[in-house]
């Protein structure tokens, strides 16, 4: 982290993922696995760190990676800002059939 900018969407560390690949992985989770994992459950908890949580929040808000990337190719920190020790509660809006961020606890 000390030798590269972790906000650069296209940068890929050796044996790692670029932010674009992380976003794609989270997007795949939201659209292909999330519903199946929660089926029949009244409540579900997911423990996610940093960028993936910011991306989950972004996707649930209906944004793409392009929406949160500045013209310099870096993710806009303000749009995915995640505070350490925060709990984000997402609720399903039955009328819309989608999830919304409803509460933030710090």
Protein backbone atom coordinates (compact mmCIF):
# COMPACT_ATOMS: atom_id res chain seq x y z
CA UNK A 1 0.00 0.00 0.00
CA UNK A 2 2.88 2.37 0.60
CA UNK A 3 4.14 2.19 -2.99
CA UNK A 4 0.91 2.42 -4.99
CA UNK A 5 -2.43 4.20 -4.85
CA UNK A 6 -5.06 1.70 -3.69
CA UNK A 7 -7.81 3.90 -5.19
CA UNK A 8 -6.57 3.30 -8.76
CA UNK A 9 -9.30 1.17 -10.38
CA UNK A 10 -7.00 -0.50 -12.90
CA UNK A 11 -3.98 -1.19 -10.68
CA UNK A 12 -3.57 -4.87 -9.91
CA UNK A 13 -1.05 -5.95 -7.28
CA UNK A 14 0.93 -9.12 -7.92
CA UNK A 15 -1.26 -12.15 -7.12
CA UNK A 16 -4.14 -9.83 -6.27
CA UNK A 17 -7.23 -8.18 -7.73
CA UNK A 18 -7.77 -4.75 -9.21
CA UNK A 19 -10.58 -2.66 -7.74
CA UNK A 20 -12.50 -3.26 -10.98
CA UNK A 21 -12.23 -7.02 -10.39
CA UNK A 22 -13.32 -6.65 -6.75
CA UNK A 23 -16.32 -4.60 -7.90
CA UNK A 24 -17.19 -7.31 -10.45
CA UNK A 25 -16.93 -10.02 -7.77
CA UNK A 26 -19.22 -8.09 -5.39
CA UNK A 27 -21.66 -7.37 -8.23
CA UNK A 28 -21.76 -11.09 -9.07
CA UNK A 29 -22.45 -11.85 -5.41
CA UNK A 30 -25.31 -9.34 -5.24
CA UNK A 31 -27.02 -10.45 -8.43
CA UNK A 32 -26.32 -14.19 -8.40
CA UNK A 33 -25.77 -15.43 -4.84
CA UNK A 34 -27.27 -13.00 -2.33
CA UNK A 35 -30.93 -13.99 -2.83
CA UNK A 36 -30.17 -17.71 -2.65
CA UNK A 37 -28.12 -17.29 0.53
CA UNK A 38 -30.93 -15.35 2.21
CA UNK A 39 -33.84 -17.47 0.98
CA UNK A 40 -36.06 -18.46 3.87
CA UNK A 41 -34.08 -16.47 6.40
CA UNK A 42 -35.73 -13.77 8.42
CA UNK A 43 -32.34 -12.12 9.02
CA UNK A 44 -28.87 -12.61 7.57
CA UNK A 45 -25.48 -11.16 8.52
CA UNK A 46 -22.54 -10.68 6.18
CA UNK A 47 -19.14 -9.62 7.44
CA UNK A 48 -17.35 -7.65 4.74
CA UNK A 49 -14.33 -5.37 4.89
CA UNK A 50 -13.38 -2.05 3.28
CA UNK A 51 -13.71 -1.78 -0.49
CA UNK A 52 -16.11 -4.73 -0.94
CA UNK A 53 -18.50 -3.17 1.59
CA UNK A 54 -18.24 0.18 -0.18
CA UNK A 55 -18.92 -1.56 -3.47
CA UNK A 56 -21.88 -3.46 -1.99
CA UNK A 57 -23.31 -0.13 -0.82
CA UNK A 58 -22.66 1.37 -4.28
CA UNK A 59 -24.35 -1.52 -6.13
CA UNK A 60 -27.37 -1.50 -3.83
CA UNK A 61 -27.69 2.23 -4.52
CA UNK A 62 -27.86 1.37 -8.26
CA UNK A 63 -24.44 2.77 -9.21
CA UNK A 64 -21.75 1.22 -11.41
CA UNK A 65 -17.98 1.38 -11.02
CA UNK A 66 -17.95 4.08 -13.68
CA UNK A 67 -20.27 6.17 -11.47
CA UNK A 68 -17.75 6.14 -8.63
CA UNK A 69 -14.57 6.53 -10.67
CA UNK A 70 -13.06 9.99 -11.21
CA UNK A 71 -11.63 11.07 -14.57
CA UNK A 72 -8.14 10.24 -13.26
CA UNK A 73 -9.12 6.54 -12.98
CA UNK A 74 -9.35 6.56 -9.18
CA UNK A 75 -12.34 5.64 -7.04
CA UNK A 76 -13.99 8.64 -5.40
CA UNK A 77 -13.41 7.98 -1.69
CA UNK A 78 -16.40 10.08 -0.65
CA UNK A 79 -18.81 7.83 -2.54
CA UNK A 80 -17.63 4.59 -0.94
CA UNK A 81 -16.41 5.99 2.36
CA UNK A 82 -16.71 3.27 4.98
CA UNK A 83 -16.00 4.06 8.60
CA UNK A 84 -14.18 1.32 10.57
CA UNK A 85 -16.43 -0.28 13.16
CA UNK A 86 -19.64 0.61 11.32
CA UNK A 87 -22.63 -1.65 10.88
CA UNK A 88 -24.66 -1.06 7.72
CA UNK A 89 -28.20 -2.45 7.68
CA UNK A 90 -29.78 -3.20 4.31
CA UNK A 91 -33.48 -3.88 4.07
CA UNK A 92 -35.46 -5.31 1.21
CA UNK A 93 -38.03 -2.94 -0.27
CA UNK A 94 -40.77 -5.40 -1.15
CA UNK A 95 -42.51 -2.96 -3.49
CA UNK A 96 -39.36 -2.33 -5.53
CA UNK A 97 -37.89 -5.80 -5.10
CA UNK A 98 -34.51 -4.33 -4.22
CA UNK A 99 -32.39 -3.65 -1.17
CA UNK A 100 -31.83 -0.24 0.36
CA UNK A 101 -29.37 1.01 2.91
CA UNK A 102 -31.59 1.89 5.83
CA UNK A 103 -29.37 2.35 8.88
CA UNK A 104 -25.77 3.03 9.79
CA UNK A 105 -24.55 2.33 13.33
CA UNK A 106 -21.11 3.48 14.49
